[in-house]
Each structure stands twice: as structure tokens, then as C-alpha cells.
Amino acid sequence: MNAPGLPAASAATPTPPKAVELPAHPRLSRLYRLQYEPVQTAWVLLYPEGMVKLNDSSAEILRRCNGQLSADGIAAELEALFSVQGIGPQVKDLLQEGVRRGWIV
């Protein structure tokens, strides 16, 4: 039961984001700059209207978006670097989100 004045809880589940086509060799849009910010102690994505603070995994992926590697190449490089397997789907999810937000072209 909901508290008085609050809307009823929805049983609907959120729809997953629509898949977008990834560029063959993802790179950052020229409107964005990736840099490490010591004050934030984090990598950030800067753009004219603001900043996005990135977690370590996102930063490692975006640091490789230089137009030279494919999504699979980025995943393979990270798998080798961190001795992990099977991160391709997560890499592609982040890249798709980056395309949707205009970070990746």
C-alpha cells in the first residue's frame, strides 16, 4: 500500500534501451574531451555544457575509442590487460550508450 498522496507503484518494467549500430572503429566526438581530473580523482568526459565523471571501467573503454580499434578489439585489449574474459557485451553496451548520447561517432 502506498502512503497517502503518493502515486501507485507501477508493475511495468522499464524497457531496455534501443540497440544502436556501432561505428566500425569508435572514436570520441570532437565535441568531447577525455581527461584525468586530479581534483575529481577520476577520468572525466568534458563537453561545452558540462562534465561526465566516469567510473574506471568506462574510462578504460573510452580511452581506447581513438578510431583505430573495433569494439571487439577494445574488448580484446582490455581482456588481455586485466586478465578477464567475456567483457565484450559490457564494452558494446557502453559504446552503444555513448553513441546514443553523442559521445561516440
Protein backbone atom coordinates (compact mmCIF):
# COMPACT_ATOMS: atom_id res chain seq x y z
CA MET A 1 0.00 0.00 0.00
CA ASN A 2 1.29 3.45 -0.86
CA ALA A 3 1.47 6.36 1.52
CA PRO A 4 -1.33 8.92 1.09
CA GLY A 5 -0.62 11.36 -1.71
CA LEU A 6 1.89 9.12 -3.48
CA PRO A 7 1.15 7.57 -6.86
CA ALA A 8 0.57 3.85 -7.04
CA ALA A 9 3.66 1.79 -7.77
CA SER A 10 3.87 0.65 -11.36
CA ALA A 11 4.27 -3.02 -12.11
CA ALA A 12 5.67 -2.22 -15.55
CA THR A 13 9.33 -2.99 -16.06
CA PRO A 14 11.50 -0.40 -17.75
CA THR A 15 12.15 -1.06 -21.40
CA PRO A 16 15.78 -1.67 -22.28
CA PRO A 17 17.47 1.00 -24.38
CA LYS A 18 17.19 0.52 -28.10
CA ALA A 19 20.28 -1.03 -29.68
CA VAL A 20 22.17 1.30 -31.96
CA GLU A 21 24.65 0.44 -34.67
CA LEU A 22 28.22 0.88 -33.52
CA PRO A 23 30.77 2.55 -35.76
CA ALA A 24 33.35 0.11 -37.16
CA HIS A 25 36.12 1.92 -35.27
CA PRO A 26 34.60 4.03 -32.48
CA ARG A 27 36.14 7.38 -31.60
CA LEU A 28 35.14 10.24 -29.35
CA SER A 29 33.14 13.04 -30.90
CA ARG A 30 35.13 16.25 -31.39
CA LEU A 31 32.71 17.95 -29.01
CA TYR A 32 34.03 15.86 -26.10
CA ARG A 33 37.42 15.64 -24.42
CA LEU A 34 38.50 12.80 -22.17
CA GLN A 35 40.96 13.71 -19.44
CA TYR A 36 42.02 12.78 -15.94
CA GLU A 37 40.96 15.31 -13.31
CA PRO A 38 43.11 15.12 -10.17
CA VAL A 39 40.56 17.14 -8.18
CA GLN A 40 37.88 14.55 -9.05
CA THR A 41 40.43 11.70 -8.77
CA ALA A 42 38.72 10.31 -11.85
CA TRP A 43 38.61 10.39 -15.62
CA VAL A 44 36.01 12.80 -16.94
CA LEU A 45 34.41 13.49 -20.27
CA LEU A 46 34.29 17.25 -20.82
CA TYR A 47 31.91 19.00 -23.20
CA PRO A 48 30.82 22.63 -23.65
CA GLU A 49 27.84 22.35 -21.27
CA GLY A 50 29.46 20.30 -18.55
CA MET A 51 31.27 17.19 -17.48
CA VAL A 52 30.59 13.48 -17.01
CA LYS A 53 32.57 11.77 -14.25
CA LEU A 54 33.45 8.25 -15.39
CA ASN A 55 33.96 5.09 -13.40
CA ASP A 56 37.23 3.23 -14.01
CA SER A 57 35.75 0.69 -16.43
CA SER A 58 34.07 3.32 -18.58
CA ALA A 59 37.27 5.37 -18.68
CA GLU A 60 39.33 2.38 -19.81
CA ILE A 61 36.87 1.72 -22.63
CA LEU A 62 36.59 5.35 -23.76
CA ARG A 63 40.37 5.83 -23.63
CA ARG A 64 40.57 3.26 -26.43
CA CYS A 65 37.99 4.99 -28.63
CA ASN A 66 40.57 6.50 -30.96
CA GLY A 67 39.21 5.38 -34.32
CA GLN A 68 41.76 2.58 -34.61
CA LEU A 69 40.16 -0.31 -32.71
CA SER A 70 36.82 -2.02 -33.27
CA ALA A 71 34.50 -2.73 -30.33
CA ASP A 72 35.78 -6.32 -30.35
CA GLY A 73 39.36 -5.01 -30.46
CA ILE A 74 38.73 -2.77 -27.46
CA ALA A 75 37.25 -5.71 -25.54
CA ALA A 76 40.16 -7.99 -26.50
CA GLU A 77 42.72 -5.39 -25.41
CA LEU A 78 41.00 -4.94 -22.04
CA GLU A 79 40.61 -8.69 -21.54
CA ALA A 80 44.35 -9.13 -22.09
CA LEU A 81 45.28 -6.14 -19.92
CA PHE A 82 43.12 -7.17 -16.95
CA SER A 83 43.24 -10.98 -17.41
CA VAL A 84 39.47 -11.29 -17.71
CA GLN A 85 37.21 -12.95 -20.26
CA GLY A 86 33.77 -12.26 -21.68
CA ILE A 87 33.55 -8.48 -21.30
CA GLY A 88 32.60 -7.88 -24.94
CA PRO A 89 28.88 -7.40 -24.19
CA GLN A 90 29.59 -4.81 -21.49
CA VAL A 91 32.01 -2.95 -23.77
CA LYS A 92 29.40 -2.87 -26.54
CA ASP A 93 26.71 -1.71 -24.08
CA LEU A 94 28.83 1.25 -23.01
CA LEU A 95 29.74 2.09 -26.61
CA GLN A 96 26.07 1.98 -27.62
CA GLU A 97 25.19 4.30 -24.75
CA GLY A 98 27.99 6.59 -25.89
CA VAL A 99 26.57 6.63 -29.43
CA ARG A 100 23.08 7.42 -28.07
CA ARG A 101 24.49 10.31 -26.01
CA GLY A 102 26.65 11.61 -28.85
CA TRP A 103 30.00 10.85 -27.19
CA ILE A 104 30.97 8.21 -29.73
CA VAL A 105 30.97 8.55 -33.51
